C-alpha cells in the first residue's frame, strides 16, 4: 500500500476536496465507507508530517557534513596556496576594476576636453571671422573717407572756381574807376596847388609847367591811393602814409632841382628850409586829394579796389 500510494499526494490540498466530493456522493448510500476513508486520511496525514521531519533532518545533516568537508579542504596545506592565489587574483581583479574605472573616467574627461577644445576652436573661428569683417569694414570706411575727402576737395575747387568766375575782377570797370580816381585827384590837387604856383611865378605863362607837374603828380597819386587803400577805408595811417610818401618824393625832387649843396652851415640851413617848404607844399596838395578821394569812396562816387562782377552787375541794375 505504501508503495502504490504517494504520501505527498495525500498531503496535497487536493485530497480534502476529493474526499469532500466522494463524501457528498456516497454519504446517502454508505456511512461505513465514509468512516473508513476518514480514518485512512488521518493515518496518511500523520505519515506525511513524519516524512517531512525526516527530510528536514536529512538536509541539516547533509549541510553539516558539507561544511565539515569544506573546512577540511580549506585547512589542507596544498589548498592554502590556491587560496592565496585566489586572493591575489581577486586583488588583481579589484585593481583591474579600479584601473578600468580610472580609464573610463579619463576617457570621459578626454571627451569633455575634446568638446571644450572644439568649442574654443569654433569660438576662435568666429572671432577670426569677426576680425576679418571688422578689417573689411575699416577698409570700407577708409575708402569712404578718401572718396569723401576727394569729393569735398572737388566741391571746394568747383566752388572756388565758381566764386572766382562769378566774383572775379572786372578789368574794364577797374580801368574806368582808376581813371575817375586820377581825374578827381588831379582836379582837386591842381586847385589846391594853384595858390602856391601863383606865388612862385611872375607871369601867367610860367604857371603852365608847375600846374602840369601838379596835375600829373596828383593823377598818379589818385590811382596809387585807390590801389593802396583798397577796401580798408577807415585806415587813417595808410591814408596819411600814402600822402606823406608822395609829398616827400615830390618835395625832395624839387629840392634836388635847385642849387647844389655846399659844405657850409648856410647852405645846409637853406637846403633844409627849402626842403621843408617843398615837402609841406606837396603834403598840403596831396592831403586835399586824399580827402577828396576818401569822400568820393564813402559817397559811393568811386568804387574801391577790387570791384567784383556781382557788385558791378548790381550797380548796373540799380542804375538802370
C-alpha atoms as a PDB file:
ATOM      1  CA  UNK A   1       0.000   0.000   0.000  1.00  0.00           C
ATOM      2  CA  UNK A   2       2.808   2.342   0.844  1.00  0.00           C
ATOM      3  CA  UNK A   3       4.426   1.504  -2.483  1.00  0.00           C
ATOM      4  CA  UNK A   4       1.337   2.261  -4.547  1.00  0.00           C
ATOM      5  CA  UNK A   5       0.138   5.393  -2.790  1.00  0.00           C
ATOM      6  CA  UNK A   6       2.319   8.528  -2.783  1.00  0.00           C
ATOM      7  CA  UNK A   7       2.233  10.123   0.650  1.00  0.00           C
ATOM      8  CA  UNK A   8       2.812  13.537  -0.802  1.00  0.00           C
ATOM      9  CA  UNK A   9      -0.287  13.158  -2.894  1.00  0.00           C
ATOM     10  CA  UNK A  10      -2.310  12.554   0.239  1.00  0.00           C
ATOM     11  CA  UNK A  11      -0.712  15.570   1.840  1.00  0.00           C
ATOM     12  CA  UNK A  12      -1.635  17.801  -1.065  1.00  0.00           C
ATOM     13  CA  UNK A  13      -4.545  20.276  -0.814  1.00  0.00           C
ATOM     14  CA  UNK A  14      -6.449  18.332  -3.475  1.00  0.00           C
ATOM     15  CA  UNK A  15      -7.038  15.447  -1.064  1.00  0.00           C
ATOM     16  CA  UNK A  16      -9.606  17.259   1.056  1.00  0.00           C
ATOM     17  CA  UNK A  17     -11.573  18.407  -1.980  1.00  0.00           C
ATOM     18  CA  UNK A  18     -11.543  14.869  -3.389  1.00  0.00           C
ATOM     19  CA  UNK A  19     -12.716  13.394  -0.119  1.00  0.00           C
ATOM     20  CA  UNK A  20     -15.393  16.029   0.180  1.00  0.00           C
ATOM     21  CA  UNK A  21     -16.743  15.196  -3.268  1.00  0.00           C
ATOM     22  CA  UNK A  22     -16.821  11.469  -2.506  1.00  0.00           C
ATOM     23  CA  UNK A  23     -18.475  12.196   0.810  1.00  0.00           C
ATOM     24  CA  UNK A  24     -21.232  14.207  -0.890  1.00  0.00           C
ATOM     25  CA  UNK A  25     -21.835  11.453  -3.470  1.00  0.00           C
ATOM     26  CA  UNK A  26     -21.757   8.312  -1.285  1.00  0.00           C
ATOM     27  CA  UNK A  27     -22.977   9.634   2.028  1.00  0.00           C
ATOM     28  CA  UNK A  28     -26.626   8.788   1.474  1.00  0.00           C
ATOM     29  CA  UNK A  29     -25.758   5.210   0.498  1.00  0.00           C
ATOM     30  CA  UNK A  30     -22.959   4.141   2.858  1.00  0.00           C
ATOM     31  CA  UNK A  31     -21.823   5.730   6.120  1.00  0.00           C
ATOM     32  CA  UNK A  32     -19.355   2.927   6.740  1.00  0.00           C
ATOM     33  CA  UNK A  33     -17.214   3.668   3.694  1.00  0.00           C
ATOM     34  CA  UNK A  34     -17.007   7.300   4.721  1.00  0.00           C
ATOM     35  CA  UNK A  35     -15.753   6.449   8.189  1.00  0.00           C
ATOM     36  CA  UNK A  36     -13.038   4.208   6.770  1.00  0.00           C
ATOM     37  CA  UNK A  37     -11.873   6.822   4.336  1.00  0.00           C
ATOM     38  CA  UNK A  38     -11.662   9.484   7.047  1.00  0.00           C
ATOM     39  CA  UNK A  39      -9.622   7.210   9.287  1.00  0.00           C
ATOM     40  CA  UNK A  40      -7.356   6.385   6.374  1.00  0.00           C
ATOM     41  CA  UNK A  41      -6.789  10.062   5.610  1.00  0.00           C
ATOM     42  CA  UNK A  42      -5.777  10.743   9.204  1.00  0.00           C
ATOM     43  CA  UNK A  43      -3.221   7.955   9.047  1.00  0.00           C
ATOM     44  CA  UNK A  44      -1.790   9.319   5.811  1.00  0.00           C
ATOM     45  CA  UNK A  45      -1.535  12.882   7.187  1.00  0.00           C
ATOM     46  CA  UNK A  46       0.403  11.679  10.220  1.00  0.00           C
ATOM     47  CA  UNK A  47       2.742   9.781   7.968  1.00  0.00           C
ATOM     48  CA  UNK A  48       3.298  12.818   5.714  1.00  0.00           C
ATOM     49  CA  UNK A  49       4.258  15.013   8.662  1.00  0.00           C
ATOM     50  CA  UNK A  50       6.718  12.406   9.921  1.00  0.00           C
ATOM     51  CA  UNK A  51       8.323  12.148   6.481  1.00  0.00           C
ATOM     52  CA  UNK A  52       8.703  15.944   6.272  1.00  0.00           C
ATOM     53  CA  UNK A  53      10.545  15.973   9.583  1.00  0.00           C
ATOM     54  CA  UNK A  54      12.796  13.202   8.310  1.00  0.00           C
ATOM     55  CA  UNK A  55      13.633  15.143   5.151  1.00  0.00           C
ATOM     56  CA  UNK A  56      14.445  18.318   7.203  1.00  0.00           C
ATOM     57  CA  UNK A  57      16.761  16.371   9.449  1.00  0.00           C
ATOM     58  CA  UNK A  58      18.418  14.832   6.411  1.00  0.00           C
ATOM     59  CA  UNK A  59      19.060  18.247   4.889  1.00  0.00           C
ATOM     60  CA  UNK A  60      20.579  19.554   8.093  1.00  0.00           C
ATOM     61  CA  UNK A  61      22.799  16.512   8.355  1.00  0.00           C
ATOM     62  CA  UNK A  62      23.954  16.872   4.763  1.00  0.00           C
ATOM     63  CA  UNK A  63      24.695  20.593   5.165  1.00  0.00           C
ATOM     64  CA  UNK A  64      26.697  19.879   8.307  1.00  0.00           C
ATOM     65  CA  UNK A  65      28.684  17.237   6.504  1.00  0.00           C
ATOM     66  CA  UNK A  66      29.356  19.558   3.576  1.00  0.00           C
ATOM     67  CA  UNK A  67      30.520  22.339   5.915  1.00  0.00           C
ATOM     68  CA  UNK A  68      32.864  19.979   7.671  1.00  0.00           C
ATOM     69  CA  UNK A  69      34.203  18.724   4.353  1.00  0.00           C
ATOM     70  CA  UNK A  70      34.773  22.282   3.135  1.00  0.00           C
ATOM     71  CA  UNK A  71      36.583  23.215   6.333  1.00  0.00           C
ATOM     72  CA  UNK A  72      38.786  20.191   5.969  1.00  0.00           C
ATOM     73  CA  UNK A  73      39.588  21.099   2.382  1.00  0.00           C
ATOM     74  CA  UNK A  74      40.364  24.688   3.338  1.00  0.00           C
ATOM     75  CA  UNK A  75      42.630  23.640   6.178  1.00  0.00           C
ATOM     76  CA  UNK A  76      44.815  21.491   3.962  1.00  0.00           C
ATOM     77  CA  UNK A  77      48.286  22.854   3.115  1.00  0.00           C
ATOM     78  CA  UNK A  78      48.026  22.241  -0.609  1.00  0.00           C
ATOM     79  CA  UNK A  79      44.833  24.285  -0.776  1.00  0.00           C
ATOM     80  CA  UNK A  80      46.266  27.325   1.031  1.00  0.00           C
ATOM     81  CA  UNK A  81      48.423  28.218  -1.977  1.00  0.00           C
ATOM     82  CA  UNK A  82      45.325  28.059  -4.129  1.00  0.00           C
ATOM     83  CA  UNK A  83      43.521  30.299  -1.660  1.00  0.00           C
ATOM     84  CA  UNK A  84      46.429  32.746  -1.691  1.00  0.00           C
ATOM     85  CA  UNK A  85      46.407  32.723  -5.476  1.00  0.00           C
ATOM     86  CA  UNK A  86      42.664  33.217  -5.345  1.00  0.00           C
ATOM     87  CA  UNK A  87      43.105  36.212  -3.009  1.00  0.00           C
ATOM     88  CA  UNK A  88      45.789  37.652  -5.243  1.00  0.00           C
ATOM     89  CA  UNK A  89      43.635  37.064  -8.292  1.00  0.00           C
ATOM     90  CA  UNK A  90      40.711  38.763  -6.579  1.00  0.00           C
ATOM     91  CA  UNK A  91      43.019  41.674  -5.675  1.00  0.00           C
ATOM     92  CA  UNK A  92      44.198  41.851  -9.270  1.00  0.00           C
ATOM     93  CA  UNK A  93      40.602  41.795 -10.423  1.00  0.00           C
ATOM     94  CA  UNK A  94      39.797  44.609  -7.986  1.00  0.00           C
ATOM     95  CA  UNK A  95      42.810  46.582  -9.174  1.00  0.00           C
ATOM     96  CA  UNK A  96      41.787  45.940 -12.769  1.00  0.00           C
ATOM     97  CA  UNK A  97      38.306  47.200 -11.949  1.00  0.00           C
ATOM     98  CA  UNK A  98      39.765  50.321 -10.377  1.00  0.00           C
ATOM     99  CA  UNK A  99      42.056  50.855 -13.377  1.00  0.00           C
ATOM    100  CA  UNK A 100      39.111  50.305 -15.699  1.00  0.00           C
ATOM    101  CA  UNK A 101      37.089  52.845 -13.738  1.00  0.00           C
ATOM    102  CA  UNK A 102      40.036  55.279 -13.883  1.00  0.00           C
ATOM    103  CA  UNK A 103      40.383  54.711 -17.624  1.00  0.00           C
ATOM    104  CA  UNK A 104      36.670  55.297 -18.098  1.00  0.00           C
ATOM    105  CA  UNK A 105      36.924  58.488 -16.028  1.00  0.00           C
ATOM    106  CA  UNK A 106      39.907  59.635 -18.092  1.00  0.00           C
ATOM    107  CA  UNK A 107      38.020  58.837 -21.287  1.00  0.00           C
ATOM    108  CA  UNK A 108      35.077  60.903 -20.057  1.00  0.00           C
ATOM    109  CA  UNK A 109      37.417  63.770 -19.162  1.00  0.00           C
ATOM    110  CA  UNK A 110      39.141  63.457 -22.546  1.00  0.00           C
ATOM    111  CA  UNK A 111      35.766  63.571 -24.290  1.00  0.00           C
ATOM    112  CA  UNK A 112      34.814  66.644 -22.273  1.00  0.00           C
ATOM    113  CA  UNK A 113      38.188  68.209 -23.085  1.00  0.00           C
ATOM    114  CA  UNK A 114      37.686  67.485 -26.788  1.00  0.00           C
ATOM    115  CA  UNK A 115      34.263  69.106 -26.632  1.00  0.00           C
ATOM    116  CA  UNK A 116      35.773  72.122 -24.880  1.00  0.00           C
ATOM    117  CA  UNK A 117      38.573  72.323 -27.470  1.00  0.00           C
ATOM    118  CA  UNK A 118      36.018  72.099 -30.267  1.00  0.00           C
ATOM    119  CA  UNK A 119      34.049  74.911 -28.657  1.00  0.00           C
ATOM    120  CA  UNK A 120      37.210  77.001 -28.357  1.00  0.00           C
ATOM    121  CA  UNK A 121      38.084  76.327 -31.980  1.00  0.00           C
ATOM    122  CA  UNK A 122      34.589  77.324 -33.074  1.00  0.00           C
ATOM    123  CA  UNK A 123      34.817  80.467 -30.943  1.00  0.00           C
ATOM    124  CA  UNK A 124      38.257  81.203 -32.394  1.00  0.00           C
ATOM    125  CA  UNK A 125      36.920  80.806 -35.924  1.00  0.00           C
ATOM    126  CA  UNK A 126      34.014  83.104 -35.081  1.00  0.00           C
ATOM    127  CA  UNK A 127      36.429  85.661 -33.617  1.00  0.00           C
ATOM    128  CA  UNK A 128      38.612  85.428 -36.725  1.00  0.00           C
ATOM    129  CA  UNK A 129      35.586  85.982 -38.941  1.00  0.00           C
ATOM    130  CA  UNK A 130      34.534  88.956 -36.812  1.00  0.00           C
ATOM    131  CA  UNK A 131      38.029  90.427 -37.025  1.00  0.00           C
ATOM    132  CA  UNK A 132      38.010  89.920 -40.779  1.00  0.00           C
ATOM    133  CA  UNK A 133      34.656  91.664 -41.030  1.00  0.00           C
ATOM    134  CA  UNK A 134      35.965  94.499 -38.830  1.00  0.00           C
ATOM    135  CA  UNK A 135      39.021  94.917 -41.063  1.00  0.00           C
ATOM    136  CA  UNK A 136      36.825  94.925 -44.145  1.00  0.00           C
ATOM    137  CA  UNK A 137      34.552  97.498 -42.514  1.00  0.00           C
ATOM    138  CA  UNK A 138      37.572  99.654 -41.606  1.00  0.00           C
ATOM    139  CA  UNK A 139      38.823  99.432 -45.178  1.00  0.00           C
ATOM    140  CA  UNK A 140      35.399 100.425 -46.457  1.00  0.00           C
ATOM    141  CA  UNK A 141      35.261 103.343 -44.003  1.00  0.00           C
ATOM    142  CA  UNK A 142      38.736 104.498 -45.037  1.00  0.00           C
ATOM    143  CA  UNK A 143      37.775 104.223 -48.690  1.00  0.00           C
ATOM    144  CA  UNK A 144      34.608 106.191 -47.999  1.00  0.00           C
ATOM    145  CA  UNK A 145      36.609 108.833 -46.133  1.00  0.00           C
ATOM    146  CA  UNK A 146      39.060 109.105 -49.029  1.00  0.00           C
ATOM    147  CA  UNK A 147      36.218 109.362 -51.510  1.00  0.00           C
ATOM    148  CA  UNK A 148      34.509 111.942 -49.321  1.00  0.00           C
ATOM    149  CA  UNK A 149      37.695 113.977 -48.974  1.00  0.00           C
ATOM    150  CA  UNK A 150      38.249 113.829 -52.741  1.00  0.00           C
ATOM    151  CA  UNK A 151      34.661 114.853 -53.344  1.00  0.00           C
ATOM    152  CA  UNK A 152      34.974 117.650 -50.801  1.00  0.00           C
ATOM    153  CA  UNK A 153      38.167 118.870 -52.460  1.00  0.00           C
ATOM    154  CA  UNK A 154      36.500 118.736 -55.853  1.00  0.00           C
ATOM    155  CA  UNK A 155      33.499 120.560 -54.451  1.00  0.00           C
ATOM    156  CA  UNK A 156      35.679 123.212 -52.857  1.00  0.00           C
ATOM    157  CA  UNK A 157      37.618 123.612 -56.086  1.00  0.00           C
ATOM    158  CA  UNK A 158      34.388 123.934 -58.026  1.00  0.00           C
ATOM    159  CA  UNK A 159      33.013 126.449 -55.527  1.00  0.00           C
ATOM    160  CA  UNK A 160      36.236 128.440 -55.572  1.00  0.00           C
ATOM    161  CA  UNK A 161      36.307 128.381 -59.341  1.00  0.00           C
ATOM    162  CA  UNK A 162      32.692 129.454 -59.434  1.00  0.00           C
ATOM    163  CA  UNK A 163      33.363 132.221 -56.935  1.00  0.00           C
ATOM    164  CA  UNK A 164      36.341 133.377 -58.925  1.00  0.00           C
ATOM    165  CA  UNK A 165      34.319 133.217 -62.081  1.00  0.00           C
ATOM    166  CA  UNK A 166      31.304 134.984 -60.617  1.00  0.00           C
ATOM    167  CA  UNK A 167      33.210 137.370 -58.383  1.00  0.00           C
ATOM    168  CA  UNK A 168      36.312 137.940 -60.457  1.00  0.00           C
ATOM    169  CA  UNK A 169      37.864 141.322 -61.087  1.00  0.00           C
ATOM    170  CA  UNK A 170      36.340 143.263 -63.933  1.00  0.00           C
ATOM    171  CA  UNK A 171      39.353 144.838 -65.615  1.00  0.00           C
ATOM    172  CA  UNK A 172      37.319 147.208 -67.732  1.00  0.00           C
ATOM    173  CA  UNK A 173      35.465 148.523 -64.722  1.00  0.00           C
ATOM    174  CA  UNK A 174      38.712 148.802 -62.789  1.00  0.00           C
ATOM    175  CA  UNK A 175      40.269 150.931 -65.505  1.00  0.00           C
ATOM    176  CA  UNK A 176      37.282 153.223 -65.504  1.00  0.00           C
ATOM    177  CA  UNK A 177      37.342 153.620 -61.716  1.00  0.00           C
ATOM    178  CA  UNK A 178      41.098 154.293 -61.816  1.00  0.00           C
ATOM    179  CA  UNK A 179      40.554 156.994 -64.461  1.00  0.00           C
ATOM    180  CA  UNK A 180      37.872 158.588 -62.289  1.00  0.00           C
ATOM    181  CA  UNK A 181      40.143 158.490 -59.212  1.00  0.00           C
ATOM    182  CA  UNK A 182      43.026 160.028 -61.184  1.00  0.00           C
ATOM    183  CA  UNK A 183      40.769 162.763 -62.569  1.00  0.00           C
ATOM    184  CA  UNK A 184      39.284 163.674 -59.178  1.00  0.00           C
ATOM    185  CA  UNK A 185      42.702 163.685 -57.506  1.00  0.00           C
ATOM    186  CA  UNK A 186      44.258 165.741 -60.339  1.00  0.00           C
ATOM    187  CA  UNK A 187      41.486 168.362 -60.362  1.00  0.00           C
ATOM    188  CA  UNK A 188      41.380 168.788 -56.574  1.00  0.00           C
ATOM    189  CA  UNK A 189      45.194 168.744 -56.260  1.00  0.00           C
ATOM    190  CA  UNK A 190      45.670 171.274 -59.045  1.00  0.00           C
ATOM    191  CA  UNK A 191      43.086 173.606 -57.499  1.00  0.00           C
ATOM    192  CA  UNK A 192      44.737 173.199 -54.078  1.00  0.00           C
ATOM    193  CA  UNK A 193      48.213 173.902 -55.532  1.00  0.00           C
ATOM    194  CA  UNK A 194      47.151 176.839 -57.654  1.00  0.00           C
ATOM    195  CA  UNK A 195      47.818 179.489 -54.946  1.00  0.00           C
ATOM    196  CA  UNK A 196      51.270 178.057 -54.325  1.00  0.00           C
ATOM    197  CA  UNK A 197      52.127 178.064 -58.021  1.00  0.00           C
ATOM    198  CA  UNK A 198      50.820 181.619 -58.450  1.00  0.00           C
ATOM    199  CA  UNK A 199      53.029 182.831 -55.607  1.00  0.00           C
ATOM    200  CA  UNK A 200      56.129 181.349 -57.252  1.00  0.00           C
ATOM    201  CA  UNK A 201      55.770 182.817 -60.789  1.00  0.00           C
ATOM    202  CA  UNK A 202      55.627 186.356 -62.167  1.00  0.00           C
ATOM    203  CA  UNK A 203      53.518 185.748 -65.299  1.00  0.00           C
ATOM    204  CA  UNK A 204      50.640 183.505 -66.355  1.00  0.00           C
ATOM    205  CA  UNK A 205      52.808 181.730 -68.914  1.00  0.00           C
ATOM    206  CA  UNK A 206      55.030 180.476 -66.146  1.00  0.00           C
ATOM    207  CA  UNK A 207      52.032 178.712 -64.491  1.00  0.00           C
ATOM    208  CA  UNK A 208      51.781 176.065 -67.215  1.00  0.00           C
ATOM    209  CA  UNK A 209      54.758 173.965 -66.095  1.00  0.00           C
ATOM    210  CA  UNK A 210      54.068 173.832 -62.316  1.00  0.00           C
ATOM    211  CA  UNK A 211      50.346 173.258 -62.861  1.00  0.00           C
ATOM    212  CA  UNK A 212      51.093 170.466 -65.360  1.00  0.00           C
ATOM    213  CA  UNK A 213      53.522 168.848 -62.924  1.00  0.00           C
ATOM    214  CA  UNK A 214      50.954 169.100 -60.116  1.00  0.00           C
ATOM    215  CA  UNK A 215      48.191 167.695 -62.352  1.00  0.00           C
ATOM    216  CA  UNK A 216      50.250 164.668 -63.393  1.00  0.00           C
ATOM    217  CA  UNK A 217      51.524 164.039 -59.854  1.00  0.00           C
ATOM    218  CA  UNK A 218      48.004 164.173 -58.399  1.00  0.00           C
ATOM    219  CA  UNK A 219      46.707 161.856 -61.143  1.00  0.00           C
ATOM    220  CA  UNK A 220      49.325 159.243 -60.239  1.00  0.00           C
ATOM    221  CA  UNK A 221      48.551 159.821 -56.567  1.00  0.00           C
ATOM    222  CA  UNK A 222      44.833 159.148 -57.154  1.00  0.00           C
ATOM    223  CA  UNK A 223      45.469 155.828 -58.894  1.00  0.00           C
ATOM    224  CA  UNK A 224      48.044 154.755 -56.288  1.00  0.00           C
ATOM    225  CA  UNK A 225      45.789 155.838 -53.416  1.00  0.00           C
ATOM    226  CA  UNK A 226      42.918 153.694 -54.722  1.00  0.00           C
ATOM    227  CA  UNK A 227      45.096 150.593 -55.139  1.00  0.00           C
ATOM    228  CA  UNK A 228      46.793 151.162 -51.772  1.00  0.00           C
ATOM    229  CA  UNK A 229      43.715 151.787 -49.642  1.00  0.00           C
ATOM    230  CA  UNK A 230      41.662 149.069 -51.377  1.00  0.00           C
ATOM    231  CA  UNK A 231      38.645 148.373 -49.126  1.00  0.00           C
ATOM    232  CA  UNK A 232      40.288 149.465 -45.868  1.00  0.00           C
ATOM    233  CA  UNK A 233      38.642 152.889 -45.982  1.00  0.00           C
ATOM    234  CA  UNK A 234      38.920 153.571 -42.231  1.00  0.00           C
ATOM    235  CA  UNK A 235      42.697 153.092 -42.019  1.00  0.00           C
ATOM    236  CA  UNK A 236      43.916 156.642 -41.318  1.00  0.00           C
ATOM    237  CA  UNK A 237      47.586 155.629 -41.012  1.00  0.00           C
ATOM    238  CA  UNK A 238      47.530 154.156 -44.502  1.00  0.00           C
ATOM    239  CA  UNK A 239      45.911 157.270 -45.963  1.00  0.00           C
ATOM    240  CA  UNK A 240      48.302 159.721 -44.308  1.00  0.00           C
ATOM    241  CA  UNK A 241      51.288 157.487 -45.066  1.00  0.00           C
ATOM    242  CA  UNK A 242      50.488 157.461 -48.771  1.00  0.00           C
ATOM    243  CA  UNK A 243      50.100 161.254 -48.840  1.00  0.00           C
ATOM    244  CA  UNK A 244      53.342 161.774 -46.892  1.00  0.00           C
ATOM    245  CA  UNK A 245      55.279 159.431 -49.184  1.00  0.00           C
ATOM    246  CA  UNK A 246      54.226 161.320 -52.309  1.00  0.00           C
ATOM    247  CA  UNK A 247      54.924 164.639 -50.569  1.00  0.00           C
ATOM    248  CA  UNK A 248      58.458 163.655 -49.611  1.00  0.00           C
ATOM    249  CA  UNK A 249      59.249 162.268 -53.066  1.00  0.00           C
ATOM    250  CA  UNK A 250      57.955 165.348 -54.927  1.00  0.00           C
ATOM    251  CA  UNK A 251      59.412 167.835 -52.394  1.00  0.00           C
ATOM    252  CA  UNK A 252      62.863 166.235 -52.340  1.00  0.00           C
ATOM    253  CA  UNK A 253      62.787 166.090 -56.133  1.00  0.00           C
ATOM    254  CA  UNK A 254      62.126 169.808 -56.285  1.00  0.00           C
ATOM    255  CA  UNK A 255      64.925 170.394 -53.768  1.00  0.00           C
ATOM    256  CA  UNK A 256      67.326 168.391 -55.928  1.00  0.00           C
ATOM    257  CA  UNK A 257      66.488 170.516 -58.942  1.00  0.00           C
ATOM    258  CA  UNK A 258      67.652 173.670 -57.103  1.00  0.00           C
ATOM    259  CA  UNK A 259      71.191 174.899 -56.440  1.00  0.00           C
ATOM    260  CA  UNK A 260      73.739 172.329 -55.306  1.00  0.00           C
ATOM    261  CA  UNK A 261      74.622 171.831 -51.650  1.00  0.00           C
ATOM    262  CA  UNK A 262      77.823 173.460 -50.406  1.00  0.00           C
ATOM    263  CA  UNK A 263      79.937 172.399 -47.425  1.00  0.00           C
ATOM    264  CA  UNK A 264      78.946 175.231 -45.102  1.00  0.00           C
ATOM    265  CA  UNK A 265      76.299 175.851 -42.494  1.00  0.00           C
ATOM    266  CA  UNK A 266      74.434 178.441 -44.543  1.00  0.00           C
ATOM    267  CA  UNK A 267      73.993 176.070 -47.461  1.00  0.00           C
ATOM    268  CA  UNK A 268      72.826 173.276 -45.138  1.00  0.00           C
ATOM    269  CA  UNK A 269      70.282 175.559 -43.465  1.00  0.00           C
ATOM    270  CA  UNK A 270      68.983 176.978 -46.735  1.00  0.00           C
ATOM    271  CA  UNK A 271      68.546 173.497 -48.246  1.00  0.00           C
ATOM    272  CA  UNK A 272      66.850 172.248 -45.067  1.00  0.00           C
ATOM    273  CA  UNK A 273      64.396 175.146 -45.092  1.00  0.00           C
ATOM    274  CA  UNK A 274      63.718 174.766 -48.802  1.00  0.00           C
ATOM    275  CA  UNK A 275      63.187 171.023 -48.402  1.00  0.00           C
ATOM    276  CA  UNK A 276      60.732 171.538 -45.550  1.00  0.00           C
ATOM    277  CA  UNK A 277      58.841 174.133 -47.601  1.00  0.00           C
ATOM    278  CA  UNK A 278      58.636 171.888 -50.659  1.00  0.00           C
ATOM    279  CA  UNK A 279      57.503 168.868 -48.611  1.00  0.00           C
ATOM    280  CA  UNK A 280      54.891 170.962 -46.780  1.00  0.00           C
ATOM    281  CA  UNK A 281      53.504 172.394 -50.012  1.00  0.00           C
ATOM    282  CA  UNK A 282      53.190 168.963 -51.605  1.00  0.00           C
ATOM    283  CA  UNK A 283      51.743 167.476 -48.406  1.00  0.00           C
ATOM    284  CA  UNK A 284      49.063 170.187 -48.496  1.00  0.00           C
ATOM    285  CA  UNK A 285      48.238 169.347 -52.121  1.00  0.00           C
ATOM    286  CA  UNK A 286      48.166 165.553 -51.679  1.00  0.00           C
ATOM    287  CA  UNK A 287      46.211 165.847 -48.435  1.00  0.00           C
ATOM    288  CA  UNK A 288      43.430 167.670 -50.295  1.00  0.00           C
ATOM    289  CA  UNK A 289      43.495 164.990 -52.983  1.00  0.00           C
ATOM    290  CA  UNK A 290      43.314 162.213 -50.359  1.00  0.00           C
ATOM    291  CA  UNK A 291      40.369 163.900 -48.606  1.00  0.00           C
ATOM    292  CA  UNK A 292      38.542 164.288 -51.914  1.00  0.00           C
ATOM    293  CA  UNK A 293      39.112 160.636 -52.848  1.00  0.00           C
ATOM    294  CA  UNK A 294      38.024 159.404 -49.417  1.00  0.00           C
ATOM    295  CA  UNK A 295      34.851 161.482 -49.659  1.00  0.00           C
ATOM    296  CA  UNK A 296      34.084 160.020 -53.084  1.00  0.00           C
ATOM    297  CA  UNK A 297      34.658 156.476 -51.770  1.00  0.00           C
ATOM    298  CA  UNK A 298      32.298 156.971 -48.864  1.00  0.00           C
ATOM    299  CA  UNK A 299      29.671 158.642 -51.036  1.00  0.00           C
ATOM    300  CA  UNK A 300      29.967 155.708 -53.487  1.00  0.00           C
ATOM    301  CA  UNK A 301      31.013 158.015 -56.298  1.00  0.00           C
ATOM    302  CA  UNK A 302      34.114 155.823 -56.589  1.00  0.00           C
ATOM    303  CA  UNK A 303      34.443 152.085 -56.028  1.00  0.00           C
ATOM    304  CA  UNK A 304      37.416 150.850 -54.006  1.00  0.00           C
ATOM    305  CA  UNK A 305      39.724 148.238 -55.450  1.00  0.00           C
ATOM    306  CA  UNK A 306      38.880 145.470 -56.278  1.00  0.00           C
ATOM    307  CA  UNK A 307      35.461 145.608 -57.921  1.00  0.00           C
ATOM    308  CA  UNK A 308      33.677 142.240 -58.169  1.00  0.00           C
ATOM    309  CA  UNK A 309      31.478 141.316 -61.062  1.00  0.00           C
ATOM    310  CA  UNK A 310      28.476 140.710 -58.836  1.00  0.00           C
ATOM    311  CA  UNK A 311      28.833 144.197 -57.367  1.00  0.00           C
ATOM    312  CA  UNK A 312      29.265 145.680 -60.836  1.00  0.00           C
ATOM    313  CA  UNK A 313      26.157 143.955 -62.119  1.00  0.00           C
ATOM    314  CA  UNK A 314      24.188 145.072 -59.071  1.00  0.00           C
ATOM    315  CA  UNK A 315      25.273 148.673 -59.555  1.00  0.00           C
ATOM    316  CA  UNK A 316      24.418 148.431 -63.242  1.00  0.00           C
ATOM    317  CA  UNK A 317      20.944 147.097 -62.495  1.00  0.00           C
ATOM    318  CA  UNK A 318      20.367 149.793 -59.869  1.00  0.00           C
ATOM    319  CA  UNK A 319      21.473 152.452 -62.357  1.00  0.00           C
ATOM    320  CA  UNK A 320      19.082 151.085 -64.966  1.00  0.00           C
END
